Amino acid sequence: MVQGGGELMEAWHDHIGIVLMIGLTLLIVGIGMVIKAKTSPAPWPQSSKQWVSLKSVLNSSLPLDRWLLAASVGCFCLAHLWFSWKEGSVIDQDSFFSSVEWGPETIAQEPSPLVSQVLQADEGRYLVYSEGKPAPILSYYFFWAPKEGNGKALFHRPDVCMPGAGWQQQGDAIISYGTLNGREVKVHQFQFLRGNSPAQLYWICFIDGDSISFAGGAHSHLQLSFVPQFIRLGKRIFSVEVFGLMVQGDSKARTDITEVFNAQPGLEFVLK
C-alpha cells in the first residue's frame, strides 16, 4: 500500500464495498430463510424443486430480516445519492503554506525519500528557524492536491506518528481557535516527552481549505470524530494540507501560542 498509495486503495474500495454489501444482504436473507424453515410447522421441502421463496420470507412473522434488508438498501442508496451530489463541488486549490514568505532566517529542507514515499504528498517542506531563540523551532507542511484517497493523510497525525520516534504524548491535545495569516484555523496543541526532553507541537489540518478539529487523546488511534466531518463534506475527492510547528527543549517560558507562532517568520497568528 505504501508503494501504490491511496489511489491503489481507492481503485478497489467501491468494488469491495459493493461485494460486501451484496454478500451481507444475501446472508441476511439466507438467515431469514433458515429461521423461517425451522420455525414453520411444515417440514422442510424434500424435493429440490420446492424451495422457500423470498416472498414468503419477507411476508413472514419475523420482522427483523425485513427491517435489516430495507435499512441496508436504504442506507446504500442514500449514501450514493449524497456523495454523487456533493462530489461535483471539488475545490481545485493550491497549497496555503507554500505561498508564505518564510524569511531568510528560515532553512527549507526537502523531506527524506522515505517520508515522501510514505506520505505520498504532492508538496511538502521542513522548515528550521533557530536564530536568537533558546530552542530550535521545527515546522513542516504537506499538501495533497484534490484526488481520491486523501483521507489516508489524516492517519499521519502527531498523536500517531510521534510515538514512533520515541515521543510520548502527555495528556490530551488542547484546541485553540484563531486566525493564521487571515485564515480561520483550529490549532491542536500537543505535549510530548522523550526521556527528559519536553516538546510542544502545534498542528493544523485543512480539508478543501477549511480547518478541521478532532479529539486528540493520548491513547486514541481510530478517530471517530472525523466521521461526521466526512459525512458533512460528502465527497471523496478533496485537498488536504497539514502544518506542524514543534518547539523542543525547556519551553515552559514559551507556552503562549501567539508568541510561538509569531516567532516563525512569515506567520501572523491572532488568538480568538
C-alpha atoms as a PDB file:
ATOM      1  CA  MET A   1       0.000   0.000   0.000  1.00  0.00           C
ATOM      2  CA  VAL A   2       2.935   2.335   0.592  1.00  0.00           C
ATOM      3  CA  GLN A   3       4.072   1.770  -2.981  1.00  0.00           C
ATOM      4  CA  GLY A   4       0.629   2.283  -4.525  1.00  0.00           C
ATOM      5  CA  GLY A   5      -0.667   4.960  -2.184  1.00  0.00           C
ATOM      6  CA  GLY A   6      -4.279   5.906  -1.697  1.00  0.00           C
ATOM      7  CA  GLU A   7      -5.128   5.686  -5.394  1.00  0.00           C
ATOM      8  CA  LEU A   8      -4.462   1.926  -5.369  1.00  0.00           C
ATOM      9  CA  MET A   9      -6.711   1.542  -2.330  1.00  0.00           C
ATOM     10  CA  GLU A  10      -9.454   3.658  -3.897  1.00  0.00           C
ATOM     11  CA  ALA A  11      -9.352   1.598  -7.104  1.00  0.00           C
ATOM     12  CA  TRP A  12     -10.643  -1.412  -5.150  1.00  0.00           C
ATOM     13  CA  HIS A  13     -12.618   0.395  -2.458  1.00  0.00           C
ATOM     14  CA  ASP A  14     -16.004   0.651  -4.213  1.00  0.00           C
ATOM     15  CA  HIS A  15     -15.846  -2.839  -5.698  1.00  0.00           C
ATOM     16  CA  ILE A  16     -15.047  -4.429  -2.345  1.00  0.00           C
ATOM     17  CA  GLY A  17     -17.755  -2.368  -0.640  1.00  0.00           C
ATOM     18  CA  ILE A  18     -20.416  -3.408  -3.161  1.00  0.00           C
ATOM     19  CA  VAL A  19     -19.429  -7.087  -2.877  1.00  0.00           C
ATOM     20  CA  LEU A  20     -19.584  -6.896   0.915  1.00  0.00           C
ATOM     21  CA  MET A  21     -22.963  -5.146   0.821  1.00  0.00           C
ATOM     22  CA  ILE A  22     -24.446  -7.721  -1.549  1.00  0.00           C
ATOM     23  CA  GLY A  23     -22.919 -10.552   0.476  1.00  0.00           C
ATOM     24  CA  LEU A  24     -24.326  -9.142   3.726  1.00  0.00           C
ATOM     25  CA  THR A  25     -27.771  -8.747   2.166  1.00  0.00           C
ATOM     26  CA  LEU A  26     -27.750 -12.323   0.871  1.00  0.00           C
ATOM     27  CA  LEU A  27     -26.565 -13.539   4.274  1.00  0.00           C
ATOM     28  CA  ILE A  28     -29.455 -11.769   5.999  1.00  0.00           C
ATOM     29  CA  VAL A  29     -31.930 -13.242   3.511  1.00  0.00           C
ATOM     30  CA  GLY A  30     -30.400 -16.692   3.936  1.00  0.00           C
ATOM     31  CA  ILE A  31     -30.597 -16.500   7.719  1.00  0.00           C
ATOM     32  CA  GLY A  32     -34.225 -15.438   7.436  1.00  0.00           C
ATOM     33  CA  MET A  33     -34.995 -18.350   5.137  1.00  0.00           C
ATOM     34  CA  VAL A  34     -33.380 -20.822   7.530  1.00  0.00           C
ATOM     35  CA  ILE A  35     -35.216 -19.393  10.539  1.00  0.00           C
ATOM     36  CA  LYS A  36     -38.474 -19.410   8.575  1.00  0.00           C
ATOM     37  CA  ALA A  37     -37.987 -23.028   7.566  1.00  0.00           C
ATOM     38  CA  LYS A  38     -37.055 -24.195  11.063  1.00  0.00           C
ATOM     39  CA  THR A  39     -39.921 -22.389  12.792  1.00  0.00           C
ATOM     40  CA  SER A  40     -42.545 -23.285  10.226  1.00  0.00           C
ATOM     41  CA  PRO A  41     -44.910 -26.127  11.213  1.00  0.00           C
ATOM     42  CA  ALA A  42     -44.495 -27.619   7.776  1.00  0.00           C
ATOM     43  CA  PRO A  43     -41.429 -29.861   7.267  1.00  0.00           C
ATOM     44  CA  TRP A  44     -38.506 -28.734   5.141  1.00  0.00           C
ATOM     45  CA  PRO A  45     -39.299 -29.475   1.461  1.00  0.00           C
ATOM     46  CA  GLN A  46     -37.690 -32.720   0.340  1.00  0.00           C
ATOM     47  CA  SER A  47     -37.941 -32.045  -3.353  1.00  0.00           C
ATOM     48  CA  SER A  48     -35.193 -29.960  -4.951  1.00  0.00           C
ATOM     49  CA  LYS A  49     -37.904 -28.025  -6.792  1.00  0.00           C
ATOM     50  CA  GLN A  50     -39.597 -26.907  -3.579  1.00  0.00           C
ATOM     51  CA  TRP A  51     -37.730 -24.011  -2.044  1.00  0.00           C
ATOM     52  CA  VAL A  52     -38.809 -21.393   0.444  1.00  0.00           C
ATOM     53  CA  SER A  53     -39.465 -18.330  -1.696  1.00  0.00           C
ATOM     54  CA  LEU A  54     -38.099 -14.877  -0.992  1.00  0.00           C
ATOM     55  CA  LYS A  55     -41.669 -13.551  -0.895  1.00  0.00           C
ATOM     56  CA  SER A  56     -42.612 -15.961   1.862  1.00  0.00           C
ATOM     57  CA  VAL A  57     -39.575 -14.864   3.881  1.00  0.00           C
ATOM     58  CA  LEU A  58     -40.434 -11.176   3.528  1.00  0.00           C
ATOM     59  CA  ASN A  59     -44.041 -11.934   4.475  1.00  0.00           C
ATOM     60  CA  SER A  60     -43.036 -13.983   7.498  1.00  0.00           C
ATOM     61  CA  SER A  61     -43.953 -13.070  11.042  1.00  0.00           C
ATOM     62  CA  LEU A  62     -40.292 -12.261  11.803  1.00  0.00           C
ATOM     63  CA  PRO A  63     -39.807  -8.529  11.072  1.00  0.00           C
ATOM     64  CA  LEU A  64     -36.058  -8.370  11.839  1.00  0.00           C
ATOM     65  CA  ASP A  65     -34.804  -9.653   8.487  1.00  0.00           C
ATOM     66  CA  ARG A  66     -37.147  -7.358   6.568  1.00  0.00           C
ATOM     67  CA  TRP A  67     -36.077  -4.275   8.515  1.00  0.00           C
ATOM     68  CA  LEU A  68     -32.389  -5.113   8.163  1.00  0.00           C
ATOM     69  CA  LEU A  69     -32.768  -5.654   4.436  1.00  0.00           C
ATOM     70  CA  ALA A  70     -34.711  -2.412   3.964  1.00  0.00           C
ATOM     71  CA  ALA A  71     -32.263  -0.441   6.127  1.00  0.00           C
ATOM     72  CA  SER A  72     -29.231  -1.810   4.253  1.00  0.00           C
ATOM     73  CA  VAL A  73     -30.658  -0.980   0.837  1.00  0.00           C
ATOM     74  CA  GLY A  74     -31.872   2.437   2.028  1.00  0.00           C
ATOM     75  CA  CYS A  75     -28.501   3.435   3.534  1.00  0.00           C
ATOM     76  CA  PHE A  76     -26.681   2.202   0.433  1.00  0.00           C
ATOM     77  CA  CYS A  77     -28.870   4.301  -1.883  1.00  0.00           C
ATOM     78  CA  LEU A  78     -28.818   7.423   0.317  1.00  0.00           C
ATOM     79  CA  ALA A  79     -25.034   7.317   0.692  1.00  0.00           C
ATOM     80  CA  HIS A  80     -24.511   7.073  -3.061  1.00  0.00           C
ATOM     81  CA  LEU A  81     -27.007   9.867  -3.757  1.00  0.00           C
ATOM     82  CA  TRP A  82     -25.390  12.157  -1.131  1.00  0.00           C
ATOM     83  CA  PHE A  83     -21.831  11.601  -2.343  1.00  0.00           C
ATOM     84  CA  SER A  84     -22.834  11.837  -6.018  1.00  0.00           C
ATOM     85  CA  TRP A  85     -24.455  15.209  -5.340  1.00  0.00           C
ATOM     86  CA  LYS A  86     -21.611  16.644  -3.249  1.00  0.00           C
ATOM     87  CA  GLU A  87     -18.685  15.384  -5.331  1.00  0.00           C
ATOM     88  CA  GLY A  88     -19.412  17.908  -8.047  1.00  0.00           C
ATOM     89  CA  SER A  89     -18.061  20.697  -5.807  1.00  0.00           C
ATOM     90  CA  VAL A  90     -14.360  19.834  -5.890  1.00  0.00           C
ATOM     91  CA  ILE A  91     -12.202  22.787  -4.846  1.00  0.00           C
ATOM     92  CA  ASP A  92      -9.110  22.943  -7.032  1.00  0.00           C
ATOM     93  CA  GLN A  93      -6.812  24.955  -4.761  1.00  0.00           C
ATOM     94  CA  ASP A  94      -3.113  25.349  -4.189  1.00  0.00           C
ATOM     95  CA  SER A  95      -1.094  24.904  -1.030  1.00  0.00           C
ATOM     96  CA  PHE A  96      -1.711  27.668   1.522  1.00  0.00           C
ATOM     97  CA  PHE A  97       1.689  27.407   3.223  1.00  0.00           C
ATOM     98  CA  SER A  98       3.713  27.277   0.016  1.00  0.00           C
ATOM     99  CA  SER A  99       2.798  30.935  -0.561  1.00  0.00           C
ATOM    100  CA  VAL A 100       4.103  32.089   2.854  1.00  0.00           C
ATOM    101  CA  GLU A 101       7.195  34.323   2.827  1.00  0.00           C
ATOM    102  CA  TRP A 102       9.289  32.426   5.386  1.00  0.00           C
ATOM    103  CA  GLY A 103      12.153  34.895   5.517  1.00  0.00           C
ATOM    104  CA  PRO A 104      15.928  34.464   5.034  1.00  0.00           C
ATOM    105  CA  GLU A 105      16.442  33.090   8.579  1.00  0.00           C
ATOM    106  CA  THR A 106      14.358  30.018   7.802  1.00  0.00           C
ATOM    107  CA  ILE A 107      16.072  26.987   6.299  1.00  0.00           C
ATOM    108  CA  ALA A 108      13.778  24.996   3.996  1.00  0.00           C
ATOM    109  CA  GLN A 109      14.589  21.307   3.624  1.00  0.00           C
ATOM    110  CA  GLU A 110      13.171  18.626   1.375  1.00  0.00           C
ATOM    111  CA  PRO A 111      11.642  15.655   3.226  1.00  0.00           C
ATOM    112  CA  SER A 112      13.628  12.448   3.118  1.00  0.00           C
ATOM    113  CA  PRO A 113      12.844   9.911   0.363  1.00  0.00           C
ATOM    114  CA  LEU A 114      11.355   7.555   2.969  1.00  0.00           C
ATOM    115  CA  VAL A 115       8.989  10.231   4.311  1.00  0.00           C
ATOM    116  CA  SER A 116       7.998  11.229   0.777  1.00  0.00           C
ATOM    117  CA  GLN A 117       7.330   7.610  -0.123  1.00  0.00           C
ATOM    118  CA  VAL A 118       5.149   7.014   2.926  1.00  0.00           C
ATOM    119  CA  LEU A 119       3.151  10.260   2.814  1.00  0.00           C
ATOM    120  CA  GLN A 120       2.710  10.441  -0.975  1.00  0.00           C
ATOM    121  CA  ALA A 121       2.150  14.212  -0.657  1.00  0.00           C
ATOM    122  CA  ASP A 122       2.189  16.472  -3.712  1.00  0.00           C
ATOM    123  CA  GLU A 123       4.175  19.150  -1.903  1.00  0.00           C
ATOM    124  CA  GLY A 124       5.970  19.461   1.416  1.00  0.00           C
ATOM    125  CA  ARG A 125       8.851  21.095   3.266  1.00  0.00           C
ATOM    126  CA  TYR A 126      10.637  21.024   6.600  1.00  0.00           C
ATOM    127  CA  LEU A 127      11.414  24.488   7.973  1.00  0.00           C
ATOM    128  CA  VAL A 128      14.047  25.164  10.651  1.00  0.00           C
ATOM    129  CA  TYR A 129      14.382  28.503  12.463  1.00  0.00           C
ATOM    130  CA  SER A 130      16.678  28.900  15.471  1.00  0.00           C
ATOM    131  CA  GLU A 131      18.478  32.259  15.294  1.00  0.00           C
ATOM    132  CA  GLY A 132      18.312  34.077  18.635  1.00  0.00           C
ATOM    133  CA  LYS A 133      15.950  31.509  20.177  1.00  0.00           C
ATOM    134  CA  PRO A 134      16.577  29.322  23.252  1.00  0.00           C
ATOM    135  CA  ALA A 135      15.413  26.214  21.404  1.00  0.00           C
ATOM    136  CA  PRO A 136      15.149  25.424  17.689  1.00  0.00           C
ATOM    137  CA  ILE A 137      11.742  25.718  16.065  1.00  0.00           C
ATOM    138  CA  LEU A 138      10.981  22.964  13.564  1.00  0.00           C
ATOM    139  CA  SER A 139       7.933  23.327  11.365  1.00  0.00           C
ATOM    140  CA  TYR A 140       6.638  21.448   8.351  1.00  0.00           C
ATOM    141  CA  TYR A 141       3.780  21.433   5.894  1.00  0.00           C
ATOM    142  CA  PHE A 142       2.476  18.819   3.469  1.00  0.00           C
ATOM    143  CA  PHE A 143      -0.153  19.299   0.810  1.00  0.00           C
ATOM    144  CA  TRP A 144      -2.218  16.710  -1.066  1.00  0.00           C
ATOM    145  CA  ALA A 145      -3.937  18.077  -4.190  1.00  0.00           C
ATOM    146  CA  PRO A 146      -7.632  17.157  -4.684  1.00  0.00           C
ATOM    147  CA  LYS A 147      -7.954  13.449  -5.512  1.00  0.00           C
ATOM    148  CA  GLU A 148      -9.434  10.239  -4.176  1.00  0.00           C
ATOM    149  CA  GLY A 149      -7.637   8.558  -1.298  1.00  0.00           C
ATOM    150  CA  ASN A 150      -6.564  11.732   0.507  1.00  0.00           C
ATOM    151  CA  GLY A 151      -8.303  10.592   3.671  1.00  0.00           C
ATOM    152  CA  LYS A 152      -5.214   8.491   4.436  1.00  0.00           C
ATOM    153  CA  ALA A 153      -3.311  11.697   5.184  1.00  0.00           C
ATOM    154  CA  LEU A 154      -5.261  12.094   8.422  1.00  0.00           C
ATOM    155  CA  PHE A 155      -3.661   8.948   9.812  1.00  0.00           C
ATOM    156  CA  HIS A 156      -0.294  10.737   9.844  1.00  0.00           C
ATOM    157  CA  ARG A 157      -1.213  12.870  12.837  1.00  0.00           C
ATOM    158  CA  PRO A 158       1.203  13.784  15.650  1.00  0.00           C
ATOM    159  CA  ASP A 159      -0.531  11.514  18.177  1.00  0.00           C
ATOM    160  CA  VAL A 160       0.018   8.569  15.819  1.00  0.00           C
ATOM    161  CA  CYS A 161       3.431   9.296  14.290  1.00  0.00           C
ATOM    162  CA  MET A 162       5.377  10.961  17.118  1.00  0.00           C
ATOM    163  CA  PRO A 163       5.390   7.858  19.389  1.00  0.00           C
ATOM    164  CA  GLY A 164       7.155   6.029  16.561  1.00  0.00           C
ATOM    165  CA  ALA A 165      10.068   8.449  17.004  1.00  0.00           C
ATOM    166  CA  GLY A 166      10.190   7.874  20.761  1.00  0.00           C
ATOM    167  CA  TRP A 167       7.995  10.798  21.829  1.00  0.00           C
ATOM    168  CA  GLN A 168       5.281  10.002  24.372  1.00  0.00           C
ATOM    169  CA  GLN A 169       2.174  12.167  24.412  1.00  0.00           C
ATOM    170  CA  GLN A 170       1.435  13.849  27.745  1.00  0.00           C
ATOM    171  CA  GLY A 171      -2.324  14.243  28.143  1.00  0.00           C
ATOM    172  CA  ASP A 172      -4.894  15.151  25.535  1.00  0.00           C
ATOM    173  CA  ALA A 173      -4.457  17.769  22.844  1.00  0.00           C
ATOM    174  CA  ILE A 174      -5.779  21.265  23.537  1.00  0.00           C
ATOM    175  CA  ILE A 175      -7.613  23.023  20.692  1.00  0.00           C
ATOM    176  CA  SER A 176      -7.256  26.784  20.259  1.00  0.00           C
ATOM    177  CA  TYR A 177      -9.125  28.953  17.767  1.00  0.00           C
ATOM    178  CA  GLY A 178      -7.716  31.897  15.891  1.00  0.00           C
ATOM    179  CA  THR A 179      -6.622  33.298  12.545  1.00  0.00           C
ATOM    180  CA  LEU A 180      -3.345  32.495  10.822  1.00  0.00           C
ATOM    181  CA  ASN A 181      -2.359  34.978   8.122  1.00  0.00           C
ATOM    182  CA  GLY A 182      -6.027  35.951   7.944  1.00  0.00           C
ATOM    183  CA  ARG A 183      -7.409  32.395   7.683  1.00  0.00           C
ATOM    184  CA  GLU A 184      -9.621  30.796  10.355  1.00  0.00           C
ATOM    185  CA  VAL A 185      -7.755  27.900  11.997  1.00  0.00           C
ATOM    186  CA  LYS A 186      -8.179  25.333  14.752  1.00  0.00           C
ATOM    187  CA  VAL A 187      -4.786  24.654  16.350  1.00  0.00           C
ATOM    188  CA  HIS A 188      -4.155  21.383  18.200  1.00  0.00           C
ATOM    189  CA  GLN A 189      -1.512  21.752  20.912  1.00  0.00           C
ATOM    190  CA  PHE A 190       0.270  18.512  21.890  1.00  0.00           C
ATOM    191  CA  GLN A 191       2.683  17.971  24.753  1.00  0.00           C
ATOM    192  CA  PHE A 192       5.356  15.297  24.204  1.00  0.00           C
ATOM    193  CA  LEU A 193       8.207  13.893  26.257  1.00  0.00           C
ATOM    194  CA  ARG A 194      11.202  11.851  25.105  1.00  0.00           C
ATOM    195  CA  GLY A 195      13.425  10.881  28.007  1.00  0.00           C
ATOM    196  CA  ASN A 196      13.852  14.123  29.933  1.00  0.00           C
ATOM    197  CA  SER A 197      13.312  16.350  26.889  1.00  0.00           C
ATOM    198  CA  PRO A 198       9.890  18.033  26.588  1.00  0.00           C
ATOM    199  CA  ALA A 199       8.413  19.394  23.382  1.00  0.00           C
ATOM    200  CA  GLN A 200       5.314  21.205  22.246  1.00  0.00           C
ATOM    201  CA  LEU A 201       3.786  20.559  18.840  1.00  0.00           C
ATOM    202  CA  TYR A 202       1.120  22.748  17.279  1.00  0.00           C
ATOM    203  CA  TRP A 203      -0.796  21.098  14.436  1.00  0.00           C
ATOM    204  CA  ILE A 204      -3.303  22.444  11.882  1.00  0.00           C
ATOM    205  CA  CYS A 205      -5.214  20.496   9.236  1.00  0.00           C
ATOM    206  CA  PHE A 206      -7.161  21.856   6.267  1.00  0.00           C
ATOM    207  CA  ILE A 207      -9.658  19.926   4.138  1.00  0.00           C
ATOM    208  CA  ASP A 208     -10.515  21.873   0.993  1.00  0.00           C
ATOM    209  CA  GLY A 209      -9.223  24.960   2.750  1.00  0.00           C
ATOM    210  CA  ASP A 210     -11.377  24.564   5.884  1.00  0.00           C
ATOM    211  CA  SER A 211      -9.602  23.943   9.192  1.00  0.00           C
ATOM    212  CA  ILE A 212     -10.875  20.805  10.958  1.00  0.00           C
ATOM    213  CA  SER A 213     -10.518  19.510  14.508  1.00  0.00           C
ATOM    214  CA  PHE A 214     -10.513  16.106  16.168  1.00  0.00           C
ATOM    215  CA  ALA A 215     -10.301  14.641  19.673  1.00  0.00           C
ATOM    216  CA  GLY A 216      -6.548  14.202  20.137  1.00  0.00           C
ATOM    217  CA  GLY A 217      -6.489  11.782  23.034  1.00  0.00           C
ATOM    218  CA  ALA A 218      -3.226  10.370  24.329  1.00  0.00           C
ATOM    219  CA  HIS A 219      -4.328   6.817  23.525  1.00  0.00           C
ATOM    220  CA  SER A 220      -6.598   7.408  20.536  1.00  0.00           C
ATOM    221  CA  HIS A 221      -5.825   5.653  17.277  1.00  0.00           C
ATOM    222  CA  LEU A 222      -9.162   5.357  15.443  1.00  0.00           C
ATOM    223  CA  GLN A 223     -10.647   8.853  15.440  1.00  0.00           C
ATOM    224  CA  LEU A 224     -14.419   8.529  15.110  1.00  0.00           C
ATOM    225  CA  SER A 225     -14.710  12.304  15.464  1.00  0.00           C
ATOM    226  CA  PHE A 226     -13.566  12.540  11.827  1.00  0.00           C
ATOM    227  CA  VAL A 227     -16.654  10.622  10.630  1.00  0.00           C
ATOM    228  CA  PRO A 228     -19.246  13.441  10.975  1.00  0.00           C
ATOM    229  CA  GLN A 229     -16.902  15.838   9.185  1.00  0.00           C
ATOM    230  CA  PHE A 230     -16.500  13.458   6.244  1.00  0.00           C
ATOM    231  CA  ILE A 231     -20.246  12.858   6.069  1.00  0.00           C
ATOM    232  CA  ARG A 232     -20.837  16.604   6.051  1.00  0.00           C
ATOM    233  CA  LEU A 233     -18.104  17.019   3.430  1.00  0.00           C
ATOM    234  CA  GLY A 234     -19.898  14.419   1.346  1.00  0.00           C
ATOM    235  CA  LYS A 235     -17.158  13.722  -1.174  1.00  0.00           C
ATOM    236  CA  ARG A 236     -14.167  11.522  -1.738  1.00  0.00           C
ATOM    237  CA  ILE A 237     -12.183  14.000  -3.848  1.00  0.00           C
ATOM    238  CA  PHE A 238     -10.746  16.824  -1.733  1.00  0.00           C
ATOM    239  CA  SER A 239      -7.465  18.501  -0.869  1.00  0.00           C
ATOM    240  CA  VAL A 240      -5.668  18.064   2.452  1.00  0.00           C
ATOM    241  CA  GLU A 241      -2.961  20.246   3.969  1.00  0.00           C
ATOM    242  CA  VAL A 242      -1.294  19.840   7.344  1.00  0.00           C
ATOM    243  CA  PHE A 243       1.053  22.163   9.190  1.00  0.00           C
ATOM    244  CA  GLY A 244       3.052  21.365  12.310  1.00  0.00           C
ATOM    245  CA  LEU A 245       5.242  23.574  14.470  1.00  0.00           C
ATOM    246  CA  MET A 246       7.364  21.965  17.202  1.00  0.00           C
ATOM    247  CA  VAL A 247       9.368  23.697  19.929  1.00  0.00           C
ATOM    248  CA  GLN A 248      11.871  21.372  21.597  1.00  0.00           C
ATOM    249  CA  GLY A 249      13.674  21.732  24.902  1.00  0.00           C
ATOM    250  CA  ASP A 250      12.560  23.568  28.015  1.00  0.00           C
ATOM    251  CA  SER A 251       9.584  25.520  26.683  1.00  0.00           C
ATOM    252  CA  LYS A 252       7.891  26.475  29.981  1.00  0.00           C
ATOM    253  CA  ALA A 253       8.544  30.150  29.283  1.00  0.00           C
ATOM    254  CA  ARG A 254       7.108  29.878  25.758  1.00  0.00           C
ATOM    255  CA  THR A 255       3.678  28.354  26.270  1.00  0.00           C
ATOM    256  CA  ASP A 256       1.809  31.283  24.744  1.00  0.00           C
ATOM    257  CA  ILE A 257       0.548  30.078  21.370  1.00  0.00           C
ATOM    258  CA  THR A 258       0.604  33.581  19.861  1.00  0.00           C
ATOM    259  CA  GLU A 259       4.267  34.039  20.785  1.00  0.00           C
ATOM    260  CA  VAL A 260       5.242  30.656  19.384  1.00  0.00           C
ATOM    261  CA  PHE A 261       3.553  31.195  16.018  1.00  0.00           C
ATOM    262  CA  ASN A 262       4.631  34.803  15.584  1.00  0.00           C
ATOM    263  CA  ALA A 263       8.244  33.800  16.282  1.00  0.00           C
ATOM    264  CA  GLN A 264       8.145  31.915  12.983  1.00  0.00           C
ATOM    265  CA  PRO A 265       8.961  34.342  10.131  1.00  0.00           C
ATOM    266  CA  GLY A 266       6.090  34.694   7.702  1.00  0.00           C
ATOM    267  CA  LEU A 267       3.333  33.756  10.160  1.00  0.00           C
ATOM    268  CA  GLU A 268       0.904  36.090  11.904  1.00  0.00           C
ATOM    269  CA  PHE A 269      -1.371  34.409  14.413  1.00  0.00           C
ATOM    270  CA  VAL A 270      -4.222  36.084  16.304  1.00  0.00           C
ATOM    271  CA  LEU A 271      -5.860  34.111  19.115  1.00  0.00           C
ATOM    272  CA  LYS A 272      -9.636  34.383  19.455  1.00  0.00           C
END
